[in-house]
C-alpha atoms as a PDB file:
ATOM      1  CA  MET A   1      -4.195 -14.303 -15.651  1.00  0.00           C
ATOM      2  CA  SER A   2      -0.777 -14.427 -17.283  1.00  0.00           C
ATOM      3  CA  ARG A   3       0.390 -11.176 -15.715  1.00  0.00           C
ATOM      4  CA  ALA A   4      -0.460 -12.295 -12.194  1.00  0.00           C
ATOM      5  CA  THR A   5       1.580 -11.133  -9.235  1.00  0.00           C
ATOM      6  CA  PRO A   6       1.525 -12.518  -5.687  1.00  0.00           C
ATOM      7  CA  ALA A   7      -0.741  -9.537  -4.862  1.00  0.00           C
ATOM      8  CA  THR A   8      -3.319 -10.233  -7.566  1.00  0.00           C
ATOM      9  CA  THR A   9      -3.159 -13.963  -6.850  1.00  0.00           C
ATOM     10  CA  ALA A  10      -3.930 -13.243  -3.168  1.00  0.00           C
ATOM     11  CA  LEU A  11      -6.855 -10.993  -4.145  1.00  0.00           C
ATOM     12  CA  GLU A  12      -8.266 -13.634  -6.494  1.00  0.00           C
ATOM     13  CA  LYS A  13      -7.848 -16.360  -3.876  1.00  0.00           C
ATOM     14  CA  ALA A  14      -9.759 -14.193  -1.373  1.00  0.00           C
ATOM     15  CA  GLY A  15     -12.563 -13.642  -3.883  1.00  0.00           C
ATOM     16  CA  ILE A  16     -11.945  -9.880  -4.004  1.00  0.00           C
ATOM     17  CA  ALA A  17     -13.182  -7.940  -7.043  1.00  0.00           C
ATOM     18  CA  PHE A  18     -10.504  -5.659  -8.505  1.00  0.00           C
ATOM     19  CA  THR A  19      -9.426  -4.046 -11.741  1.00  0.00           C
ATOM     20  CA  VAL A  20      -5.805  -3.852 -12.896  1.00  0.00           C
ATOM     21  CA  VAL A  21      -4.557  -0.412 -13.921  1.00  0.00           C
ATOM     22  CA  GLU A  22      -1.164  -0.234 -15.626  1.00  0.00           C
ATOM     23  CA  TYR A  23       1.019   2.785 -16.373  1.00  0.00           C
ATOM     24  CA  GLU A  24       4.569   3.530 -17.464  1.00  0.00           C
ATOM     25  CA  TYR A  25       6.621   3.510 -14.245  1.00  0.00           C
ATOM     26  CA  ASP A  26       9.276   6.235 -14.142  1.00  0.00           C
ATOM     27  CA  PRO A  27      11.860   5.711 -11.370  1.00  0.00           C
ATOM     28  CA  THR A  28      13.188   9.248 -11.953  1.00  0.00           C
ATOM     29  CA  ALA A  29       9.766  10.856 -11.385  1.00  0.00           C
ATOM     30  CA  GLY A  30      10.532  11.826  -7.784  1.00  0.00           C
ATOM     31  CA  GLN A  31       7.274  11.303  -5.941  1.00  0.00           C
ATOM     32  CA  THR A  32       6.301   8.174  -7.829  1.00  0.00           C
ATOM     33  CA  GLY A  33       2.865   7.964  -6.181  1.00  0.00           C
ATOM     34  CA  ASN A  34       1.869  11.393  -7.457  1.00  0.00           C
ATOM     35  CA  HIS A  35       3.332  10.445 -10.844  1.00  0.00           C
ATOM     36  CA  ALA A  36       1.216   7.275 -10.848  1.00  0.00           C
ATOM     37  CA  ALA A  37      -1.965   9.228 -10.032  1.00  0.00           C
ATOM     38  CA  ALA A  38      -1.292  11.643 -12.881  1.00  0.00           C
ATOM     39  CA  ALA A  39      -0.346   8.835 -15.280  1.00  0.00           C
ATOM     40  CA  ILE A  40      -3.646   7.021 -14.751  1.00  0.00           C
ATOM     41  CA  GLY A  41      -5.718  10.225 -14.578  1.00  0.00           C
ATOM     42  CA  GLU A  42      -6.900   9.568 -11.050  1.00  0.00           C
ATOM     43  CA  GLU A  43      -7.436  11.925  -8.102  1.00  0.00           C
ATOM     44  CA  PRO A  44      -4.402  11.671  -5.754  1.00  0.00           C
ATOM     45  CA  GLU A  45      -6.680  11.152  -2.731  1.00  0.00           C
ATOM     46  CA  ARG A  46      -7.815   7.849  -4.290  1.00  0.00           C
ATOM     47  CA  VAL A  47      -4.324   6.551  -5.070  1.00  0.00           C
ATOM     48  CA  PHE A  48      -2.542   5.015  -2.086  1.00  0.00           C
ATOM     49  CA  LYS A  49       1.112   4.178  -1.477  1.00  0.00           C
ATOM     50  CA  THR A  50       2.303   1.184   0.516  1.00  0.00           C
ATOM     51  CA  LEU A  51       5.048   1.891   3.036  1.00  0.00           C
ATOM     52  CA  MET A  52       6.889  -0.567   5.230  1.00  0.00           C
ATOM     53  CA  VAL A  53       7.710   0.573   8.743  1.00  0.00           C
ATOM     54  CA  MET A  54       9.205  -0.751  11.939  1.00  0.00           C
ATOM     55  CA  VAL A  55       7.130  -0.271  15.099  1.00  0.00           C
ATOM     56  CA  ASP A  56       9.061  -1.005  18.275  1.00  0.00           C
ATOM     57  CA  GLY A  57      11.412  -3.128  16.148  1.00  0.00           C
ATOM     58  CA  ARG A  58       8.632  -5.160  14.500  1.00  0.00           C
ATOM     59  CA  PRO A  59       7.654  -4.825  10.811  1.00  0.00           C
ATOM     60  CA  ALA A  60       4.329  -3.331   9.804  1.00  0.00           C
ATOM     61  CA  CYS A  61       2.707  -2.020   6.640  1.00  0.00           C
ATOM     62  CA  VAL A  62       0.861   1.275   6.194  1.00  0.00           C
ATOM     63  CA  VAL A  63      -1.216   2.303   3.190  1.00  0.00           C
ATOM     64  CA  VAL A  64      -1.787   6.055   2.809  1.00  0.00           C
ATOM     65  CA  PRO A  65      -2.765   8.559   0.097  1.00  0.00           C
ATOM     66  CA  VAL A  66       0.159   9.254  -2.256  1.00  0.00           C
ATOM     67  CA  ALA A  67       0.214  13.006  -1.580  1.00  0.00           C
ATOM     68  CA  ALA A  68       0.021  12.608   2.209  1.00  0.00           C
ATOM     69  CA  THR A  69       2.773  12.759   4.795  1.00  0.00           C
ATOM     70  CA  LEU A  70       2.979   9.984   7.354  1.00  0.00           C
ATOM     71  CA  SER A  71       3.095  10.757  11.077  1.00  0.00           C
ATOM     72  CA  MET A  72       5.400   8.242  12.733  1.00  0.00           C
ATOM     73  CA  LYS A  73       3.896   9.096  16.110  1.00  0.00           C
ATOM     74  CA  LYS A  74       0.417   8.194  14.814  1.00  0.00           C
ATOM     75  CA  VAL A  75       1.753   5.045  13.136  1.00  0.00           C
ATOM     76  CA  ALA A  76       3.259   3.873  16.422  1.00  0.00           C
ATOM     77  CA  ALA A  77       0.005   4.646  18.255  1.00  0.00           C
ATOM     78  CA  ALA A  78      -2.086   2.814  15.640  1.00  0.00           C
ATOM     79  CA  PHE A  79      -0.136  -0.376  16.324  1.00  0.00           C
ATOM     80  CA  GLY A  80       0.011   0.143  20.101  1.00  0.00           C
ATOM     81  CA  GLY A  81       3.719   0.955  19.998  1.00  0.00           C
ATOM     82  CA  LYS A  82       5.982   3.655  21.345  1.00  0.00           C
ATOM     83  CA  SER A  83       8.064   4.465  18.264  1.00  0.00           C
ATOM     84  CA  ALA A  84       8.026   3.931  14.520  1.00  0.00           C
ATOM     85  CA  GLU A  85      10.498   4.442  11.709  1.00  0.00           C
ATOM     86  CA  MET A  86      10.645   3.705   8.002  1.00  0.00           C
ATOM     87  CA  MET A  87      11.979   0.262   7.131  1.00  0.00           C
ATOM     88  CA  GLN A  88      15.156   0.272   5.059  1.00  0.00           C
ATOM     89  CA  PRO A  89      14.408  -0.449   1.356  1.00  0.00           C
ATOM     90  CA  ALA A  90      16.426  -3.687   1.238  1.00  0.00           C
ATOM     91  CA  ALA A  91      14.684  -4.954   4.378  1.00  0.00           C
ATOM     92  CA  ALA A  92      11.278  -4.013   2.914  1.00  0.00           C
ATOM     93  CA  GLU A  93      12.055  -6.012  -0.227  1.00  0.00           C
ATOM     94  CA  ARG A  94      13.220  -9.043   1.776  1.00  0.00           C
ATOM     95  CA  SER A  95      10.179  -8.892   4.048  1.00  0.00           C
ATOM     96  CA  THR A  96       7.525  -8.433   1.349  1.00  0.00           C
ATOM     97  CA  GLY A  97       8.989 -10.230  -1.648  1.00  0.00           C
ATOM     98  CA  PHE A  98       8.275  -7.131  -3.759  1.00  0.00           C
ATOM     99  CA  ARG A  99      10.659  -4.517  -5.144  1.00  0.00           C
ATOM    100  CA  VAL A 100      10.498  -0.952  -3.819  1.00  0.00           C
ATOM    101  CA  GLY A 101       8.103   0.922  -6.092  1.00  0.00           C
ATOM    102  CA  GLY A 102       6.049  -2.243  -6.429  1.00  0.00           C
ATOM    103  CA  ILE A 103       5.269  -3.127  -2.811  1.00  0.00           C
ATOM    104  CA  SER A 104       1.668  -4.144  -2.236  1.00  0.00           C
ATOM    105  CA  PRO A 105      -0.143  -4.830   1.039  1.00  0.00           C
ATOM    106  CA  PHE A 106      -1.622  -7.938  -0.620  1.00  0.00           C
ATOM    107  CA  GLY A 107       0.278 -11.198  -1.058  1.00  0.00           C
ATOM    108  CA  GLN A 108       3.381 -10.251   0.893  1.00  0.00           C
ATOM    109  CA  ARG A 109       5.910 -13.013   1.583  1.00  0.00           C
ATOM    110  CA  ARG A 110       5.244 -12.678   5.323  1.00  0.00           C
ATOM    111  CA  ARG A 111       1.958 -11.185   6.472  1.00  0.00           C
ATOM    112  CA  VAL A 112       2.542  -8.286   8.844  1.00  0.00           C
ATOM    113  CA  ARG A 113       0.296  -5.946  10.779  1.00  0.00           C
ATOM    114  CA  THR A 114      -1.265  -3.529   8.305  1.00  0.00           C
ATOM    115  CA  ALA A 115      -3.054  -0.186   8.690  1.00  0.00           C
ATOM    116  CA  LEU A 116      -5.041   1.613   6.002  1.00  0.00           C
ATOM    117  CA  SER A 117      -5.383   5.368   6.320  1.00  0.00           C
ATOM    118  CA  ALA A 118      -8.917   6.247   7.472  1.00  0.00           C
ATOM    119  CA  GLU A 119      -9.208   8.640   4.495  1.00  0.00           C
ATOM    120  CA  ALA A 120      -9.751   5.599   2.275  1.00  0.00           C
ATOM    121  CA  LEU A 121     -13.206   5.076   3.753  1.00  0.00           C
ATOM    122  CA  ALA A 122     -14.432   8.356   2.225  1.00  0.00           C
ATOM    123  CA  GLN A 123     -13.527   7.236  -1.321  1.00  0.00           C
ATOM    124  CA  PRO A 124     -15.777   5.235  -3.677  1.00  0.00           C
ATOM    125  CA  PHE A 125     -12.692   3.122  -4.475  1.00  0.00           C
ATOM    126  CA  VAL A 126      -8.942   3.131  -3.866  1.00  0.00           C
ATOM    127  CA  VAL A 127      -6.013   2.378  -6.168  1.00  0.00           C
ATOM    128  CA  ILE A 128      -3.126   0.500  -4.532  1.00  0.00           C
ATOM    129  CA  ASN A 129       0.033  -1.123  -5.871  1.00  0.00           C
ATOM    130  CA  GLY A 130      -0.649  -4.539  -7.358  1.00  0.00           C
ATOM    131  CA  GLY A 131       2.748  -6.084  -6.745  1.00  0.00           C
ATOM    132  CA  LYS A 132       5.074  -4.621  -9.342  1.00  0.00           C
ATOM    133  CA  ARG A 133       6.159  -1.246 -10.642  1.00  0.00           C
ATOM    134  CA  GLY A 134       3.579   0.364 -12.919  1.00  0.00           C
ATOM    135  CA  TYR A 135       0.900  -2.150 -11.920  1.00  0.00           C
ATOM    136  CA  LEU A 136      -1.976  -1.009  -9.702  1.00  0.00           C
ATOM    137  CA  VAL A 137      -5.277  -2.488  -8.549  1.00  0.00           C
ATOM    138  CA  ARG A 138      -8.559  -0.578  -8.137  1.00  0.00           C
ATOM    139  CA  LEU A 139     -10.899  -1.934  -5.447  1.00  0.00           C
ATOM    140  CA  SER A 140     -13.179  -0.781  -2.653  1.00  0.00           C
ATOM    141  CA  ALA A 141     -11.662   0.268   0.659  1.00  0.00           C
ATOM    142  CA  ALA A 142     -13.705  -2.439   2.401  1.00  0.00           C
ATOM    143  CA  ASP A 143     -12.219  -5.077   0.081  1.00  0.00           C
ATOM    144  CA  ALA A 144      -8.695  -3.710   0.645  1.00  0.00           C
ATOM    145  CA  ILE A 145      -9.262  -4.051   4.397  1.00  0.00           C
ATOM    146  CA  ALA A 146     -10.629  -7.582   4.039  1.00  0.00           C
ATOM    147  CA  ALA A 147      -7.798  -8.724   1.765  1.00  0.00           C
ATOM    148  CA  SER A 148      -4.985  -7.297   3.871  1.00  0.00           C
ATOM    149  CA  GLY A 149      -6.433  -7.772   7.348  1.00  0.00           C
ATOM    150  CA  ALA A 150      -5.833  -4.058   7.892  1.00  0.00           C
ATOM    151  CA  ILE A 151      -7.059  -1.852  10.650  1.00  0.00           C
ATOM    152  CA  THR A 152      -8.062   1.691   9.718  1.00  0.00           C
ATOM    153  CA  ALA A 153      -6.367   4.515  11.539  1.00  0.00           C
ATOM    154  CA  ASP A 154      -5.429   8.179  11.493  1.00  0.00           C
ATOM    155  CA  LEU A 155      -1.867   7.926  10.163  1.00  0.00           C
ATOM    156  CA  LEU A 156      -1.265  11.342   8.601  1.00  0.00           C
ATOM    157  CA  ALA A 157       0.747  14.315   9.802  1.00  0.00           C
END
């Protein structure tokens, strides 16, 4: 695959079936996750964004529906912590090896604790960033969990 990313390479190495979905990334679109869902003609509850957080000072990754709002209290609880906050963009890029807008839970530079929003389990498939801007992967929630080592949790406000 000539357009491979560390994310798709990790999925292939794990034997995970996925489909690549590309779209024209627009950094001025505001809520880029909702823009991505509209651009690929997919229901927003099936398109998930990858967010990097700090839980009690330790990095973690959360994957939630693009239109949803994260509850930091629930994020902290999901990882057994007391407090959580968003990771600074530059720190997220250093930690994952991906650029903001292209962060994937798969194939990160350093594997961190990961949680997938429980809402994913109700979907026939999920669409998650594939490791670069405008590049998504479609796969089952079970495969996303297996590939990322994620727990599932209630993460939404």
